[in-house]
Protein backbone atom coordinates (compact mmCIF):
# COMPACT_ATOMS: atom_id res chain seq x y z
CA MET A 1 -70.56 78.99 82.34
CA LYS A 2 -68.36 81.69 80.93
CA LYS A 3 -67.55 81.25 76.76
CA VAL A 4 -64.37 81.08 77.47
CA THR A 5 -64.16 78.29 79.47
CA ARG A 6 -66.81 76.37 77.60
CA LEU A 7 -64.40 77.48 74.44
CA VAL A 8 -61.51 75.53 76.61
CA ILE A 9 -63.81 72.49 77.13
CA ILE A 10 -64.83 72.42 73.71
CA VAL A 11 -61.11 72.20 72.23
CA ALA A 12 -60.15 70.25 74.72
CA VAL A 13 -62.25 67.66 73.80
CA LEU A 14 -61.81 67.52 70.17
CA ALA A 15 -58.01 67.23 70.58
CA VAL A 16 -58.66 64.63 73.09
CA CYS A 17 -60.86 62.96 70.19
CA PHE A 18 -57.98 63.54 67.65
CA ALA A 19 -55.61 61.49 70.01
CA PHE A 20 -58.25 58.57 69.91
CA LEU A 21 -58.89 58.91 66.14
CA TRP A 22 -55.65 59.17 65.31
CA PRO A 23 -54.70 55.04 65.17
CA SER A 24 -57.60 54.48 62.98
CA ILE A 25 -56.35 57.34 60.38
CA SER A 26 -53.25 56.29 60.09
CA TRP A 27 -54.51 52.79 59.78
CA TYR A 28 -57.25 53.48 57.14
CA GLY A 29 -55.33 56.29 55.64
CA ARG A 30 -51.95 56.26 55.66
CA THR A 31 -50.81 52.38 55.59
CA SER A 32 -50.30 51.17 52.38
CA ALA A 33 -52.41 47.76 51.85
CA ASP A 34 -48.78 45.66 51.76
CA ASP A 35 -48.08 47.41 55.22
CA LYS A 36 -51.61 46.59 56.58
CA ALA A 37 -51.31 42.87 55.00
CA THR A 38 -47.64 42.53 57.56
CA ALA A 39 -48.81 44.02 60.23
CA THR A 40 -51.83 42.04 60.52
CA LEU A 41 -49.59 38.48 60.78
CA SER A 42 -48.70 36.62 63.61
CA LEU A 43 -45.40 37.79 65.59
CA GLU A 44 -43.33 35.07 64.68
CA ARG A 45 -44.36 35.87 61.28
CA ILE A 46 -43.42 39.43 61.54
CA LYS A 47 -40.09 38.30 63.06
CA GLU A 48 -39.32 35.95 60.41
CA LYS A 49 -40.61 39.07 57.55
CA THR A 50 -38.22 41.11 59.63
CA GLN A 51 -35.49 39.42 59.05
CA ALA A 52 -35.94 38.76 55.66
CA LEU A 53 -35.89 42.76 54.77
CA ALA A 54 -33.11 43.70 56.77
CA GLU A 55 -31.06 41.15 54.86
CA GLU A 56 -32.59 42.46 51.27
CA GLY A 57 -31.95 46.27 52.81
CA ALA A 58 -28.30 45.27 53.71
CA LYS A 59 -27.38 43.40 50.57
CA ALA A 60 -29.10 46.52 48.64
CA LEU A 61 -26.98 48.99 50.66
CA TYR A 62 -23.78 46.66 49.67
CA ALA A 63 -24.82 46.71 45.48
CA GLN A 64 -24.91 50.22 46.11
CA VAL A 65 -21.67 51.25 47.51
CA LYS A 66 -20.17 48.72 44.55
CA SER A 67 -21.99 50.75 41.94
CA ASN A 68 -22.50 54.55 43.36
CA PRO A 69 -20.33 54.59 46.42
CA ASP A 70 -19.61 58.59 46.62
CA SER A 71 -23.30 59.38 46.19
CA GLU A 72 -25.34 60.83 48.61
CA LEU A 73 -27.76 58.30 50.42
CA SER A 74 -31.47 58.16 48.92
CA ALA A 75 -34.51 59.03 51.02
CA GLU A 76 -34.69 55.29 51.75
CA TYR A 77 -31.72 55.03 53.92
CA LYS A 78 -32.03 58.80 55.36
CA TRP A 79 -32.74 56.78 58.97
CA ILE A 80 -29.34 55.37 59.09
CA GLU A 81 -27.70 58.71 58.91
CA LYS A 82 -27.83 58.79 62.46
CA LYS A 83 -26.59 55.65 63.19
CA VAL A 84 -23.61 56.23 60.92
CA LYS A 85 -22.74 59.47 62.81
CA GLU A 86 -22.64 58.14 66.36
CA ASN A 87 -20.54 55.60 64.83
CA PHE A 88 -17.68 57.78 63.69
CA LYS A 89 -17.94 59.71 66.73
CA ASP A 90 -17.61 56.34 69.47
CA ALA A 91 -14.59 55.50 66.72
CA ASP A 92 -13.31 58.75 67.15
CA LYS A 93 -13.10 59.91 63.79
CA SER A 94 -14.34 63.10 62.08
CA VAL A 95 -17.79 63.05 60.67
CA PRO A 96 -18.21 63.60 57.02
CA SER A 97 -20.55 66.80 56.06
CA LYS A 98 -22.16 64.86 53.71
CA ILE A 99 -22.77 60.82 53.77
CA SER A 100 -22.61 58.93 51.34
CA TYR A 101 -23.25 55.06 50.64
CA LYS A 102 -19.35 54.23 51.13
CA ASP A 103 -19.28 56.44 54.43
CA VAL A 104 -21.95 53.93 56.17
CA LEU A 105 -19.97 50.55 55.80
CA ASP A 106 -16.68 52.87 57.25
CA SER A 107 -18.69 53.94 60.04
CA TYR A 108 -19.14 50.00 60.91
CA SER A 109 -16.09 48.91 60.39
CA VAL A 110 -13.98 51.59 62.16
CA SER A 111 -16.18 50.81 65.35
CA SER A 112 -16.20 46.95 64.46
CA VAL A 113 -13.32 44.32 65.62
CA ASN A 114 -13.64 42.46 62.34
CA THR A 115 -15.79 42.58 58.97
CA ASN A 116 -17.98 39.90 60.50
CA GLN A 117 -19.18 42.00 63.57
CA ALA A 118 -19.21 45.12 61.64
CA TYR A 119 -21.98 43.34 58.81
CA SER A 120 -23.88 41.77 62.03
CA ARG A 121 -24.50 45.61 63.85
CA LEU A 122 -25.60 46.84 60.21
CA LEU A 123 -28.05 43.97 59.56
CA SER A 124 -29.02 44.59 63.44
CA ASP A 125 -29.84 48.34 62.76
CA PHE A 126 -31.76 47.45 59.69
CA GLU A 127 -33.87 44.69 61.26
CA SER A 128 -34.66 47.68 64.05
CA GLU A 129 -35.83 49.86 61.69
CA TYR A 130 -38.28 47.97 59.82
CA ARG A 131 -39.18 46.17 63.00
CA THR A 132 -40.15 49.71 64.62
CA LYS A 133 -41.94 50.47 61.67
CA ILE A 134 -43.76 47.59 61.35
CA LEU A 135 -44.70 47.30 65.03
CA ALA A 136 -46.12 50.66 64.69
CA ASP A 137 -48.42 49.95 61.74
CA ARG A 138 -49.71 46.68 64.15
CA LYS A 139 -50.03 48.76 67.16
CA ASN A 140 -52.07 51.77 65.09
CA TYR A 141 -54.25 48.15 64.06
CA GLN A 142 -54.78 47.06 67.64
CA ASN A 143 -56.21 50.85 68.75
CA SER A 144 -57.90 51.69 65.70
CA VAL A 145 -61.72 50.97 64.68
CA LYS A 146 -61.83 47.83 63.38
CA LEU A 147 -64.71 46.42 61.06
CA GLY A 148 -66.42 43.45 62.01
CA LEU A 149 -67.15 39.96 60.13
CA ASP A 150 -69.96 41.47 58.55
CA LEU A 151 -67.60 44.01 57.04
CA SER A 152 -64.38 42.38 56.91
CA GLY A 153 -63.73 38.77 57.80
CA GLY A 154 -62.06 37.68 60.62
CA VAL A 155 -60.84 34.50 61.93
CA SER A 156 -62.83 31.08 62.82
CA VAL A 157 -61.37 29.21 65.92
CA ILE A 158 -62.69 25.77 66.86
CA VAL A 159 -61.79 24.70 70.48
CA LYS A 160 -61.84 20.98 71.80
CA ALA A 161 -62.60 20.60 75.24
CA ASP A 162 -60.96 17.52 77.33
CA LEU A 163 -64.24 16.86 79.52
CA ASP A 164 -63.24 13.71 80.34
CA THR A 165 -60.22 14.68 82.36
CA VAL A 166 -62.67 17.03 83.86
CA VAL A 167 -64.88 13.88 84.93
CA LYS A 168 -61.82 12.23 86.36
CA SER A 169 -60.79 14.95 88.65
CA SER A 170 -64.64 15.53 90.21
CA ASP A 171 -66.37 13.59 92.79
CA LEU A 172 -69.41 11.70 91.22
CA THR A 173 -70.51 10.88 94.69
CA GLY A 174 -71.87 14.30 94.80
CA GLY A 175 -74.78 13.26 93.06
CA LEU A 176 -74.48 14.63 89.71
CA SER A 177 -74.07 12.42 86.63
CA GLU A 178 -71.14 12.02 84.43
CA GLU A 179 -73.19 13.59 81.39
CA GLU A 180 -74.35 16.97 84.06
CA ILE A 181 -70.84 17.39 85.12
CA LYS A 182 -69.75 18.01 81.13
CA LYS A 183 -72.84 19.83 80.35
CA GLN A 184 -72.23 22.64 83.55
CA ALA A 185 -68.31 22.03 82.91
CA MET A 186 -69.50 23.29 79.11
CA ALA A 187 -71.23 25.73 79.64
CA GLN A 188 -68.75 27.25 82.54
CA THR A 189 -66.05 27.25 79.98
CA ILE A 190 -68.19 29.49 77.62
CA GLU A 191 -68.86 31.63 79.66
CA ASN A 192 -65.19 31.87 80.99
CA LEU A 193 -64.17 32.60 77.25
CA THR A 194 -66.25 34.80 76.12
CA LYS A 195 -64.96 36.74 79.23
CA LYS A 196 -61.41 36.18 78.74
CA ILE A 197 -62.25 37.59 74.79
CA ASP A 198 -63.89 40.73 76.25
CA SER A 199 -60.98 41.22 78.47
CA PHE A 200 -58.17 41.24 75.70
CA GLY A 201 -60.19 43.64 73.66
CA LEU A 202 -61.35 41.68 71.05
CA SER A 203 -65.24 43.52 71.06
CA SER A 204 -68.05 41.47 69.63
CA PRO A 205 -66.60 37.86 69.72
CA VAL A 206 -69.13 34.87 68.62
CA VAL A 207 -68.91 32.31 71.38
CA ARG A 208 -71.01 29.14 71.37
CA GLN A 209 -71.11 25.08 71.89
CA GLN A 210 -70.59 23.18 68.82
CA GLY A 211 -71.38 19.26 69.33
CA ASP A 212 -70.88 17.81 72.91
CA ASP A 213 -67.30 19.12 73.43
CA ARG A 214 -66.73 21.58 71.17
CA ILE A 215 -66.53 25.54 71.00
CA TYR A 216 -66.96 27.90 68.05
CA ILE A 217 -64.96 31.35 68.61
CA GLU A 218 -65.34 33.95 66.19
CA LEU A 219 -63.41 36.81 66.09
CA PRO A 220 -63.77 40.00 64.07
CA GLY A 221 -60.71 41.48 61.85
CA THR A 222 -57.40 40.31 60.94
CA ALA A 223 -56.01 36.62 62.60
CA GLU A 224 -53.99 36.79 65.67
CA SER A 225 -52.90 33.72 66.16
CA ASP A 226 -50.68 34.70 69.37
CA THR A 227 -53.02 36.44 71.03
CA ILE A 228 -55.61 33.33 70.44
CA SER A 229 -53.47 30.50 71.52
CA SER A 230 -52.73 33.09 74.63
CA ILE A 231 -56.22 33.57 75.66
CA VAL A 232 -57.13 29.71 74.56
CA GLN A 233 -54.41 27.90 75.45
CA GLY A 234 -52.44 29.66 78.30
CA ARG A 235 -54.96 29.04 80.92
CA GLY A 236 -55.20 25.99 82.91
CA MET A 237 -51.12 25.05 82.78
CA LEU A 238 -50.11 27.98 84.83
CA ASN A 239 -48.53 27.38 88.40
CA PHE A 240 -46.17 28.24 90.93
CA ARG A 241 -43.17 25.79 91.61
CA LEU A 242 -40.11 25.87 93.84
CA ALA A 243 -36.49 26.58 91.77
CA ARG A 244 -33.84 24.99 92.88
CA MET A 245 -30.76 27.29 92.40
CA ASP A 246 -27.97 25.35 93.49
CA LEU A 247 -28.81 22.68 91.36
CA THR A 248 -29.74 25.09 88.45
CA GLU A 249 -25.93 26.55 88.93
CA LYS A 250 -24.38 22.99 88.46
CA LEU A 251 -26.29 22.59 85.85
CA ASN A 252 -25.33 25.62 83.82
CA GLU A 253 -21.73 24.83 84.75
CA TYR A 254 -21.85 21.52 83.37
CA LEU A 255 -24.19 22.98 80.19
CA SER A 256 -21.22 25.92 79.66
CA VAL A 257 -18.35 23.25 79.22
CA HIS A 258 -20.32 20.33 77.24
CA LYS A 259 -21.90 21.91 74.40
CA ASP A 260 -22.96 18.73 72.52
CA SER A 261 -25.87 18.15 75.96
CA PHE A 262 -29.06 19.29 73.83
CA GLU A 263 -31.23 17.44 72.37
CA ALA A 264 -33.10 18.71 68.80
CA ASP A 265 -35.43 20.26 70.34
CA GLY A 266 -33.27 22.31 72.64
CA SER A 267 -34.39 20.25 75.74
CA VAL A 268 -31.84 19.02 77.60
CA LYS A 269 -30.61 15.52 77.38
CA ALA A 270 -31.52 12.85 79.85
CA SER A 271 -28.12 11.40 80.32
CA VAL A 272 -27.36 14.63 81.31
CA ILE A 273 -29.77 15.18 84.11
CA SER A 274 -28.36 12.12 85.06
CA GLU A 275 -24.87 12.78 85.08
CA VAL A 276 -25.45 16.25 87.01
CA GLY A 277 -27.00 14.45 89.36
CA ILE A 278 -30.82 16.08 89.32
CA PRO A 279 -33.21 13.84 91.23
CA ASP A 280 -36.76 12.14 90.29
CA ASP A 281 -38.53 14.86 92.72
CA ALA A 282 -37.17 17.80 90.04
CA GLU A 283 -37.28 18.57 86.32
CA VAL A 284 -35.12 20.88 83.88
CA MET A 285 -37.15 24.05 82.08
CA GLY A 286 -36.35 26.59 79.48
CA TYR A 287 -36.50 30.10 81.29
CA TYR A 288 -38.27 32.23 79.37
CA THR A 289 -37.69 36.14 78.59
CA THR A 290 -39.29 37.90 75.52
CA ASP A 291 -37.59 39.74 72.71
CA ASP A 292 -38.02 43.14 70.96
CA TYR A 293 -40.91 41.43 68.99
CA GLY A 294 -42.68 40.16 72.32
CA LEU A 295 -42.17 36.61 71.22
CA ASP A 296 -40.94 34.14 73.83
CA GLU A 297 -37.12 33.73 73.84
CA LYS A 298 -35.35 31.04 75.89
CA ALA A 299 -32.79 32.58 78.34
CA GLY A 300 -31.35 29.61 79.54
CA TYR A 301 -32.29 26.56 82.04
CA LEU A 302 -34.00 26.07 85.45
CA VAL A 303 -34.10 23.41 87.65
CA ILE A 304 -37.55 23.27 89.66
CA ASN A 305 -39.64 20.95 92.18
CA LYS A 306 -41.97 18.74 89.97
CA GLU A 307 -44.63 19.10 93.16
CA ILE A 308 -46.95 22.08 92.28
CA VAL A 309 -47.38 24.82 95.16
CA LEU A 310 -50.26 26.72 94.11
CA ASP A 311 -52.47 26.43 90.92
CA GLY A 312 -53.43 29.49 88.46
CA LYS A 313 -56.60 28.80 89.82
CA HIS A 314 -56.48 30.72 92.74
CA ILE A 315 -55.36 34.15 90.73
CA LYS A 316 -58.77 36.32 91.00
CA ARG A 317 -56.73 39.32 89.61
CA ALA A 318 -53.37 40.29 88.28
CA ASP A 319 -52.41 44.14 87.92
CA VAL A 320 -49.20 46.18 87.15
CA GLY A 321 -48.02 49.07 89.39
CA THR A 322 -44.49 50.81 90.02
CA GLU A 323 -42.77 50.35 93.28
CA ASP A 324 -43.74 53.10 95.86
CA MET A 325 -39.87 53.74 96.69
CA THR A 326 -38.17 53.10 93.27
CA GLY A 327 -40.59 53.89 90.82
CA LYS A 328 -39.86 50.48 89.38
CA PRO A 329 -42.62 48.25 87.61
CA GLU A 330 -43.91 45.83 89.63
CA VAL A 331 -46.94 43.00 88.99
CA THR A 332 -49.19 42.43 91.88
CA PHE A 333 -51.56 39.92 91.97
CA ILE A 334 -54.66 38.78 94.13
CA LEU A 335 -55.25 35.45 95.40
CA ASP A 336 -58.47 33.76 96.46
CA ASP A 337 -58.79 32.77 100.29
CA GLU A 338 -57.15 29.26 100.10
CA GLY A 339 -54.60 30.07 97.11
CA ALA A 340 -53.41 32.85 99.97
CA LYS A 341 -52.92 30.32 103.05
CA LEU A 342 -51.61 27.97 100.75
CA MET A 343 -48.45 31.00 99.37
CA GLY A 344 -48.51 31.90 103.11
CA ASP A 345 -47.77 28.64 104.21
CA PHE A 346 -44.92 28.05 101.51
CA THR A 347 -43.43 31.36 101.59
CA THR A 348 -43.17 31.42 105.39
CA ALA A 349 -41.27 28.33 105.37
CA HIS A 350 -38.90 29.00 102.07
CA VAL A 351 -38.18 32.84 102.96
CA ASN A 352 -34.55 33.19 100.66
CA ASP A 353 -35.62 30.57 98.37
CA PHE A 354 -36.87 30.88 94.73
CA MET A 355 -40.29 30.53 93.50
CA CYS A 356 -41.13 30.50 89.98
CA ILE A 357 -44.23 30.79 87.78
CA VAL A 358 -44.93 28.24 85.35
CA SER A 359 -46.24 28.43 82.19
CA GLY A 360 -47.24 25.35 79.65
CA SER A 361 -43.66 23.91 79.77
CA LYS A 362 -41.82 27.39 80.33
CA VAL A 363 -40.91 29.37 82.99
CA LYS A 364 -42.07 32.67 83.11
CA SER A 365 -41.14 34.61 86.33
CA ASN A 366 -38.20 33.30 88.75
CA ALA A 367 -38.65 35.48 92.29
CA LYS A 368 -36.97 35.25 95.57
CA ILE A 369 -39.42 35.26 98.70
CA ASN A 370 -37.97 37.84 100.66
CA THR A 371 -40.83 37.04 103.28
CA GLY A 372 -43.78 35.08 104.45
CA ILE A 373 -46.93 36.36 102.04
CA THR A 374 -49.92 35.87 103.83
CA ASN A 375 -52.56 38.75 103.02
CA GLY A 376 -53.19 36.69 99.38
CA SER A 377 -51.17 39.67 97.46
CA VAL A 378 -48.50 38.97 95.93
CA ALA A 379 -46.02 41.51 94.72
CA ILE A 380 -43.23 40.70 91.81
CA THR A 381 -40.06 43.40 90.69
CA GLY A 382 -37.29 43.11 89.15
CA PHE A 383 -39.11 43.37 85.73
CA THR A 384 -38.88 46.17 82.66
CA MET A 385 -42.28 47.52 82.12
CA GLN A 386 -42.89 45.33 79.27
CA GLU A 387 -41.61 42.24 81.04
CA ALA A 388 -44.15 43.39 83.77
CA GLN A 389 -47.12 43.98 80.95
CA ASN A 390 -46.51 40.51 79.80
CA LEU A 391 -46.48 38.62 82.85
CA LYS A 392 -49.40 40.22 84.27
CA LYS A 393 -51.03 38.49 80.26
CA VAL A 394 -49.69 35.22 81.75
CA LEU A 395 -51.02 35.34 85.09
CA GLN A 396 -54.95 36.79 83.66
CA SER A 397 -54.73 33.91 81.14
CA ALA A 398 -54.26 31.54 84.43
CA TRP A 399 -56.92 28.97 84.30
CA LEU A 400 -59.80 27.04 83.06
CA ASP A 401 -61.60 24.68 84.71
CA VAL A 402 -61.56 22.92 81.43
CA PRO A 403 -58.26 21.49 79.71
CA LEU A 404 -58.41 23.44 76.03
CA SER A 405 -56.77 23.43 72.75
CA VAL A 406 -57.27 24.71 69.25
CA GLU A 407 -58.40 22.23 67.03
CA SER A 408 -58.30 24.21 63.66
CA GLN A 409 -58.27 28.17 62.99
CA GLN A 410 -59.33 29.42 59.47
CA VAL A 411 -59.29 33.18 58.29
CA ILE A 412 -63.28 33.66 57.13
CA GLY A 413 -64.53 35.59 54.12
CA ALA A 414 -66.78 38.47 55.22
CA GLU A 415 -71.11 38.34 55.17
CA LEU A 416 -71.52 41.34 53.12
CA GLY A 417 -67.64 42.42 52.59
CA GLU A 418 -67.15 45.64 50.68
CA LEU A 419 -70.68 45.85 49.24
CA ALA A 420 -71.88 46.42 53.23
CA ILE A 421 -68.90 48.52 54.04
CA LYS A 422 -70.25 51.19 50.60
CA GLN A 423 -73.99 50.47 51.64
CA GLY A 424 -72.81 51.70 54.69
CA ILE A 425 -70.96 54.63 54.34
CA THR A 426 -73.73 55.88 51.44
CA ALA A 427 -76.49 55.42 54.02
CA ILE A 428 -74.55 57.81 56.66
CA ALA A 429 -73.77 60.22 54.03
CA ILE A 430 -77.07 60.06 52.43
CA GLY A 431 -78.72 60.99 55.51
CA LEU A 432 -75.85 63.47 56.84
CA VAL A 433 -76.67 65.56 53.65
CA ALA A 434 -80.51 65.21 53.41
CA ILE A 435 -80.32 66.45 57.25
CA MET A 436 -78.54 68.95 56.47
CA ILE A 437 -79.63 70.21 53.37
CA PHE A 438 -83.44 70.22 55.27
CA MET A 439 -81.99 72.18 58.16
CA LEU A 440 -80.45 75.01 55.57
CA ILE A 441 -83.35 75.30 53.87
CA TRP A 442 -85.80 75.10 56.99
CA TYR A 443 -83.80 76.95 59.22
CA LYS A 444 -81.65 79.29 57.00
CA GLY A 445 -78.57 80.60 58.79
CA ALA A 446 -79.64 78.72 61.87
CA GLY A 447 -79.20 75.64 59.52
CA ILE A 448 -75.32 76.42 59.75
CA ASN A 449 -75.06 76.12 63.40
CA ALA A 450 -76.64 72.80 63.27
CA CYS A 451 -74.87 71.66 60.63
CA VAL A 452 -71.61 71.77 62.21
CA VAL A 453 -72.95 69.91 65.26
CA GLN A 454 -73.45 66.99 62.78
CA VAL A 455 -70.17 67.07 61.70
CA LEU A 456 -69.01 67.46 65.22
CA ASN A 457 -71.24 64.55 66.24
CA LEU A 458 -69.96 62.00 64.45
CA TYR A 459 -66.17 62.77 64.71
CA ILE A 460 -67.06 62.48 68.47
CA MET A 461 -68.71 59.47 67.72
CA PHE A 462 -65.82 57.81 65.75
CA SER A 463 -63.27 59.10 68.04
CA VAL A 464 -65.05 57.20 71.22
CA LEU A 465 -65.47 54.20 69.55
CA SER A 466 -61.36 53.95 68.59
CA ALA A 467 -60.62 55.29 71.89
CA LEU A 468 -62.29 52.09 73.00
CA ASN A 469 -61.31 49.64 70.84
CA LEU A 470 -65.01 48.38 69.38
CA THR A 471 -65.88 46.84 66.51
CA LEU A 472 -67.64 48.86 63.96
CA THR A 473 -70.21 46.68 62.61
CA LEU A 474 -73.51 46.60 60.66
CA PRO A 475 -75.87 47.24 63.68
CA MET A 476 -73.24 49.60 65.12
CA ILE A 477 -73.71 51.56 61.58
CA ALA A 478 -77.58 51.89 62.38
CA GLY A 479 -76.66 52.75 65.52
CA ILE A 480 -74.52 56.02 63.88
CA ILE A 481 -78.15 56.72 61.53
CA LEU A 482 -80.43 56.78 64.39
CA THR A 483 -77.94 59.19 66.31
CA ILE A 484 -77.75 61.45 63.43
CA GLY A 485 -81.66 61.89 63.22
CA MET A 486 -81.52 62.15 67.32
CA ALA A 487 -79.23 64.59 67.05
CA VAL A 488 -81.45 66.92 64.81
CA ASP A 489 -84.74 65.95 66.75
CA ALA A 490 -82.53 67.83 69.30
CA ASN A 491 -81.72 70.78 67.49
CA VAL A 492 -85.13 71.35 66.15
CA ILE A 493 -86.57 71.36 69.85
CA ILE A 494 -84.03 74.33 70.77
CA TYR A 495 -84.73 75.97 67.27
CA GLU A 496 -88.67 75.68 67.84
CA ARG A 497 -88.29 77.13 71.17
CA ILE A 498 -86.39 80.16 70.20
CA LYS A 499 -88.63 80.73 67.75
CA GLU A 500 -91.78 81.02 69.77
CA GLU A 501 -89.36 83.79 71.87
CA LEU A 502 -88.58 85.75 68.50
CA VAL A 503 -92.35 85.83 68.26
CA LEU A 504 -93.08 87.04 71.29
CA GLY A 505 -90.92 90.22 70.59
CA LYS A 506 -87.28 88.68 72.83
CA ASP A 507 -84.26 90.41 70.91
CA ARG A 508 -81.52 87.83 69.84
CA ALA A 509 -79.52 87.13 73.50
CA ALA A 510 -82.98 86.80 75.21
CA ALA A 511 -84.10 84.19 72.65
CA ILE A 512 -81.60 81.95 73.03
CA SER A 513 -81.22 82.23 76.54
CA THR A 514 -84.39 81.41 76.68
CA GLY A 515 -85.03 79.02 73.72
CA PHE A 516 -82.38 76.27 75.32
CA ALA A 517 -83.67 76.65 78.80
CA ASN A 518 -87.08 75.99 77.95
CA ALA A 519 -85.63 72.87 75.52
CA LEU A 520 -83.24 71.38 78.12
CA TRP A 521 -85.06 68.97 79.65
CA ALA A 522 -86.80 67.87 77.01
CA ILE A 523 -83.84 67.76 74.93
CA LEU A 524 -82.44 65.79 78.67
CA ASP A 525 -85.55 63.34 79.21
CA SER A 526 -85.68 61.84 75.65
CA ASN A 527 -81.38 61.13 75.47
CA ILE A 528 -81.58 60.21 78.97
CA THR A 529 -84.28 57.16 78.53
CA THR A 530 -82.51 56.56 75.29
CA PHE A 531 -79.17 55.95 77.30
CA ILE A 532 -80.97 53.55 79.83
CA ALA A 533 -82.15 51.73 77.20
CA ALA A 534 -78.68 51.15 75.80
CA ALA A 535 -77.12 50.56 79.02
CA PHE A 536 -79.99 47.80 79.41
CA MET A 537 -79.51 46.19 75.56
CA SER A 538 -75.90 46.53 76.16
CA GLN A 539 -75.98 44.46 79.49
CA LEU A 540 -78.69 41.94 78.73
CA GLY A 541 -78.42 41.84 74.65
CA THR A 542 -75.21 39.63 72.61
CA GLY A 543 -73.50 40.55 69.49
CA SER A 544 -75.13 42.61 67.41
CA ILE A 545 -77.51 43.41 69.97
CA LYS A 546 -74.37 44.40 72.04
CA GLY A 547 -72.35 46.33 69.12
CA PHE A 548 -76.44 48.31 67.88
CA ALA A 549 -76.14 49.47 71.97
CA TYR A 550 -72.89 50.39 72.26
CA SER A 551 -72.97 53.17 69.09
CA LEU A 552 -76.31 54.41 70.38
CA ALA A 553 -75.50 55.25 73.99
CA ILE A 554 -71.92 56.55 72.39
CA GLY A 555 -74.07 58.94 70.48
CA VAL A 556 -76.39 59.71 73.24
CA LEU A 557 -73.39 61.49 75.12
CA SER A 558 -71.82 62.85 72.22
CA THR A 559 -75.39 64.53 70.63
CA LEU A 560 -76.19 66.08 74.29
CA PHE A 561 -72.47 67.74 74.03
CA THR A 562 -72.80 69.49 70.63
CA THR A 563 -75.75 70.45 70.73
CA LEU A 564 -76.29 72.06 74.49
CA VAL A 565 -72.60 72.56 74.82
CA VAL A 566 -71.24 73.48 71.20
CA SER A 567 -74.35 74.97 69.60
CA ARG A 568 -74.71 77.35 72.09
CA LEU A 569 -71.66 78.53 72.24
CA ILE A 570 -71.54 78.99 68.15
CA PHE A 571 -75.03 81.39 68.66
CA ASP A 572 -73.16 83.40 71.55
CA PHE A 573 -70.46 83.94 69.38
CA GLY A 574 -72.41 85.48 66.96
CA THR A 575 -74.15 87.65 69.53
CA GLU A 576 -71.19 89.20 72.04
CA THR A 577 -68.65 88.88 69.37
CA LEU A 578 -69.73 89.54 66.27
CA HIS A 579 -72.67 91.17 67.92
CA LYS A 580 -75.19 90.16 65.51
CA LYS A 581 -79.07 91.60 66.26
CA ASN A 582 -81.33 89.16 64.71
CA ILE A 583 -81.54 85.53 64.00
CA SER A 584 -82.08 84.01 60.55
CA ILE A 585 -83.76 80.91 61.83
CA SER A 586 -87.19 81.26 59.95
CA TRP A 587 -88.73 82.39 56.81
CA ARG A 588 -91.47 83.85 58.63
CA ILE A 589 -89.50 86.07 61.21
CA LYS A 590 -87.54 88.84 60.30
């Protein structure tokens, strides 16, 4: 491979790694402690806090108008200048060359019907600004390397399994006792929960049985109650039903006229249901969309059949794609054989009717049946990409054989906390520095090459950890430290081979080429066997063993790249570009 090609590959890899690492850099290096605390709240709390901050910001702006109306905007309000200019242009007014506090309020006044509308728009823009910042921080957190419970604490959840319901719905004539059914149900539930938590990107979970009907879940990182509820409670309550659009239209007409038709909790009064003439085989449910925070927001009401057409348990997989013709977002899900038959029979009999997806007591989707769906693959359109992603999440959480409920949820402290972090970082730093000093003393100028390779090796490792959204634990730190030693071992093998060639009288270029060639298979053999061992540990191990295996496997791959590609390029650069004739690699070889 040509030198330029190798250089392009290395630069491309380092650039991609930087993109992977940027969320972690932003979260740990550029986000304040207060902003971190806000970004890791639940979405409900984030919404409340953002709205409160918007109120405070708007009031502070009004206070500035009273005290310094003609003053130019301070740095904290610079973001609103763009909005102000848009407001003046929309109202066909001239835009001031320098925006003052008074100009801000004037811009909202001239582009609004009344004072209340002006304030409402100003408040909305403040909320949008704060929301964008907080959700960006939250996204950085979600895409960064997280610290495990042994380093930063996390959330502990106890889930109660309703085993009595399982027994009632089971066939006891099959030869199994109640205790055996409960035992098998718990085992299956723990397995399903573990897989589901992994699929949501929550690495290194601890899921184990506690007592007869409780499950203990330990998730590293800051508590995210909305995600946990979606994983645990969102399943087992999803189904498909027929929407009664004629009755829905009649209900909505009634509700638009009679504003006192709702109970305190937002549900439609029983008297209204009776007056509209909704039959006993149907019920009224809220239809929900997702707001700017990703939270459910009631958009209206639907009348749907009580009869369940299809249970979520028949869903095997759900994906988000795009339509071939329009390129618009499309949600597809695959059904098992039984589900495919049920869906085929129902949709064939109800072409041009509407079928809705119900999760818990909320209607999450309502789509027209254009044709009979007989192949077990269902496509639903008519969403934004964000709505499609949310529906996919609902479908992924479709079913658990055992009804579950979150009994308790609490944040727990770190087992070793900050001391463990300091000790881990100290171990990595001391090991790295000690190795660098040794390589510089023993291999002289070539030791600089080894030092650069070591730094890049760690850089790539942490980038991949960030890209895979893995959780950093003490065992993973141990894997990183082991990788440092393995990377040095590969350099030592190469350097000793080069020294052997120099002793034989070969020049710099020939010694480097032959040295790398002779060392290649020895390095590959040792690293491939280590990678195989790590792969088996990651599949057969649990918890901390998996964490160690992941970091070790990533370290093996990054070591091979930096040692065989980056290190070789540095040597060739010295030979072909700097035109060096000798190699500073040993005190005994001149």
